[in-house]
């Protein structure tokens, strides 16, 4: 049963590392493992294998790490959107310049 809590601890560490290194693909993979891991730990709590306080602390830490990952992903998405908007504006400026240049050649 201790392996369930160790696996949850490892998952929390892996999530923290993926968020810190901005490895969004890895963060997404790990996120899929959260629910099954939590379910196993909660089943162990129900059988009395773990103290509810110990598990509560782990789950609070898991929530904090997930929140950090979400904030990081949202910031990265916003930065990507800004970069795409700038590219779109640059493309429009080049297109407008090209049209003006072509009209002057006529």
C-alpha atoms as a PDB file:
ATOM      1  CA  UNK A   1       0.000   0.000   0.000  1.00  0.00           C
ATOM      2  CA  UNK A   2       2.881   2.396   0.682  1.00  0.00           C
ATOM      3  CA  UNK A   3       3.643   2.233  -3.013  1.00  0.00           C
ATOM      4  CA  UNK A   4       0.434   4.163  -3.775  1.00  0.00           C
ATOM      5  CA  UNK A   5       1.572   7.116  -1.695  1.00  0.00           C
ATOM      6  CA  UNK A   6       5.096   6.881  -3.122  1.00  0.00           C
ATOM      7  CA  UNK A   7       3.663   6.903  -6.639  1.00  0.00           C
ATOM      8  CA  UNK A   8       1.614   9.994  -5.789  1.00  0.00           C
ATOM      9  CA  UNK A   9       4.719  11.677  -4.370  1.00  0.00           C
ATOM     10  CA  UNK A  10       6.640  10.813  -7.552  1.00  0.00           C
ATOM     11  CA  UNK A  11       3.803  12.158  -9.694  1.00  0.00           C
ATOM     12  CA  UNK A  12       3.834  15.428  -7.738  1.00  0.00           C
ATOM     13  CA  UNK A  13       7.606  15.728  -8.209  1.00  0.00           C
ATOM     14  CA  UNK A  14       7.329  14.940 -11.917  1.00  0.00           C
ATOM     15  CA  UNK A  15       4.547  17.507 -12.353  1.00  0.00           C
ATOM     16  CA  UNK A  16       6.592  20.111 -10.499  1.00  0.00           C
ATOM     17  CA  UNK A  17       9.617  19.434 -12.717  1.00  0.00           C
ATOM     18  CA  UNK A  18       7.578  19.527 -15.943  1.00  0.00           C
ATOM     19  CA  UNK A  19       6.016  22.844 -14.922  1.00  0.00           C
ATOM     20  CA  UNK A  20       9.375  24.318 -13.894  1.00  0.00           C
ATOM     21  CA  UNK A  21      10.984  23.334 -17.195  1.00  0.00           C
ATOM     22  CA  UNK A  22       7.892  24.371 -19.182  1.00  0.00           C
ATOM     23  CA  UNK A  23       7.624  20.911 -20.707  1.00  0.00           C
ATOM     24  CA  UNK A  24       3.963  21.188 -21.651  1.00  0.00           C
ATOM     25  CA  UNK A  25       3.821  17.831 -23.457  1.00  0.00           C
ATOM     26  CA  UNK A  26       5.140  16.024 -20.379  1.00  0.00           C
ATOM     27  CA  UNK A  27       2.813  18.023 -18.142  1.00  0.00           C
ATOM     28  CA  UNK A  28      -0.129  16.908 -20.255  1.00  0.00           C
ATOM     29  CA  UNK A  29       0.968  13.257 -20.052  1.00  0.00           C
ATOM     30  CA  UNK A  30       1.362  13.472 -16.297  1.00  0.00           C
ATOM     31  CA  UNK A  31      -1.978  15.200 -15.886  1.00  0.00           C
ATOM     32  CA  UNK A  32      -3.664  12.095 -17.302  1.00  0.00           C
ATOM     33  CA  UNK A  33      -2.131  10.056 -14.470  1.00  0.00           C
ATOM     34  CA  UNK A  34      -3.504  12.277 -11.689  1.00  0.00           C
ATOM     35  CA  UNK A  35      -7.012  10.821 -11.419  1.00  0.00           C
ATOM     36  CA  UNK A  36      -5.993   7.139 -11.327  1.00  0.00           C
ATOM     37  CA  UNK A  37      -3.269   7.856  -8.764  1.00  0.00           C
ATOM     38  CA  UNK A  38      -5.598   9.846  -6.545  1.00  0.00           C
ATOM     39  CA  UNK A  39      -8.248   7.124  -6.821  1.00  0.00           C
ATOM     40  CA  UNK A  40      -5.788   4.454  -5.649  1.00  0.00           C
ATOM     41  CA  UNK A  41      -4.688   6.581  -2.698  1.00  0.00           C
ATOM     42  CA  UNK A  42      -8.286   7.376  -1.739  1.00  0.00           C
ATOM     43  CA  UNK A  43      -9.151   3.667  -1.853  1.00  0.00           C
ATOM     44  CA  UNK A  44      -6.217   3.037   0.471  1.00  0.00           C
ATOM     45  CA  UNK A  45      -7.500   5.751   2.839  1.00  0.00           C
ATOM     46  CA  UNK A  46     -10.894   4.059   2.847  1.00  0.00           C
ATOM     47  CA  UNK A  47      -9.285   0.801   3.961  1.00  0.00           C
ATOM     48  CA  UNK A  48      -7.347   2.607   6.691  1.00  0.00           C
ATOM     49  CA  UNK A  49      -3.948   2.152   5.062  1.00  0.00           C
ATOM     50  CA  UNK A  50      -3.157   5.867   5.284  1.00  0.00           C
ATOM     51  CA  UNK A  51      -4.040   8.674   7.608  1.00  0.00           C
ATOM     52  CA  UNK A  52      -6.504  11.105   6.078  1.00  0.00           C
ATOM     53  CA  UNK A  53      -4.291  14.002   7.234  1.00  0.00           C
ATOM     54  CA  UNK A  54      -1.251  12.622   5.406  1.00  0.00           C
ATOM     55  CA  UNK A  55      -3.231  12.191   2.219  1.00  0.00           C
ATOM     56  CA  UNK A  56      -4.858  15.618   2.578  1.00  0.00           C
ATOM     57  CA  UNK A  57      -1.414  17.221   2.703  1.00  0.00           C
ATOM     58  CA  UNK A  58      -0.343  15.365  -0.438  1.00  0.00           C
ATOM     59  CA  UNK A  59      -3.531  16.326  -2.243  1.00  0.00           C
ATOM     60  CA  UNK A  60      -3.095  19.981  -1.298  1.00  0.00           C
ATOM     61  CA  UNK A  61       0.434  19.875  -2.670  1.00  0.00           C
ATOM     62  CA  UNK A  62      -0.839  18.182  -5.820  1.00  0.00           C
ATOM     63  CA  UNK A  63      -3.413  20.955  -6.256  1.00  0.00           C
ATOM     64  CA  UNK A  64      -0.743  23.653  -5.814  1.00  0.00           C
ATOM     65  CA  UNK A  65       1.533  22.008  -8.361  1.00  0.00           C
ATOM     66  CA  UNK A  66      -1.341  21.563 -10.840  1.00  0.00           C
ATOM     67  CA  UNK A  67      -2.294  25.220 -10.378  1.00  0.00           C
ATOM     68  CA  UNK A  68       1.304  26.271 -11.095  1.00  0.00           C
ATOM     69  CA  UNK A  69       1.338  24.143 -14.218  1.00  0.00           C
ATOM     70  CA  UNK A  70      -1.948  25.632 -15.370  1.00  0.00           C
ATOM     71  CA  UNK A  71      -0.697  29.180 -14.794  1.00  0.00           C
ATOM     72  CA  UNK A  72       2.475  28.412 -16.727  1.00  0.00           C
ATOM     73  CA  UNK A  73       0.565  26.867 -19.603  1.00  0.00           C
ATOM     74  CA  UNK A  74      -1.797  29.842 -19.761  1.00  0.00           C
ATOM     75  CA  UNK A  75       1.158  32.243 -19.807  1.00  0.00           C
ATOM     76  CA  UNK A  76       2.832  30.248 -22.583  1.00  0.00           C
ATOM     77  CA  UNK A  77      -0.399  30.228 -24.562  1.00  0.00           C
ATOM     78  CA  UNK A  78      -0.759  33.993 -24.159  1.00  0.00           C
ATOM     79  CA  UNK A  79       2.842  34.495 -25.307  1.00  0.00           C
ATOM     80  CA  UNK A  80       2.246  32.293 -28.351  1.00  0.00           C
ATOM     81  CA  UNK A  81      -0.920  34.226 -29.186  1.00  0.00           C
ATOM     82  CA  UNK A  82       0.972  37.518 -28.939  1.00  0.00           C
ATOM     83  CA  UNK A  83       3.704  36.193 -31.227  1.00  0.00           C
ATOM     84  CA  UNK A  84       1.134  34.991 -33.767  1.00  0.00           C
ATOM     85  CA  UNK A  85      -0.666  38.345 -33.660  1.00  0.00           C
ATOM     86  CA  UNK A  86       2.622  40.145 -34.306  1.00  0.00           C
ATOM     87  CA  UNK A  87       3.379  37.827 -37.217  1.00  0.00           C
ATOM     88  CA  UNK A  88      -0.080  38.483 -38.662  1.00  0.00           C
ATOM     89  CA  UNK A  89       0.459  42.261 -38.381  1.00  0.00           C
ATOM     90  CA  UNK A  90       3.880  41.973 -40.010  1.00  0.00           C
ATOM     91  CA  UNK A  91       2.415  39.925 -42.840  1.00  0.00           C
ATOM     92  CA  UNK A  92      -0.312  42.513 -43.376  1.00  0.00           C
ATOM     93  CA  UNK A  93       2.280  45.310 -43.403  1.00  0.00           C
ATOM     94  CA  UNK A  94       4.398  43.465 -45.974  1.00  0.00           C
ATOM     95  CA  UNK A  95       1.329  42.840 -48.101  1.00  0.00           C
ATOM     96  CA  UNK A  96       0.296  46.498 -47.951  1.00  0.00           C
ATOM     97  CA  UNK A  97       3.835  47.615 -48.833  1.00  0.00           C
ATOM     98  CA  UNK A  98       3.913  45.172 -51.733  1.00  0.00           C
ATOM     99  CA  UNK A  99       0.605  46.528 -53.090  1.00  0.00           C
ATOM    100  CA  UNK A 100       1.856  50.114 -52.865  1.00  0.00           C
ATOM    101  CA  UNK A 101       5.136  49.204 -54.543  1.00  0.00           C
ATOM    102  CA  UNK A 102       3.342  47.353 -57.331  1.00  0.00           C
ATOM    103  CA  UNK A 103       0.984  50.310 -57.917  1.00  0.00           C
ATOM    104  CA  UNK A 104       3.934  52.685 -58.197  1.00  0.00           C
ATOM    105  CA  UNK A 105       5.522  50.496 -60.865  1.00  0.00           C
ATOM    106  CA  UNK A 106       2.422  50.701 -63.091  1.00  0.00           C
END
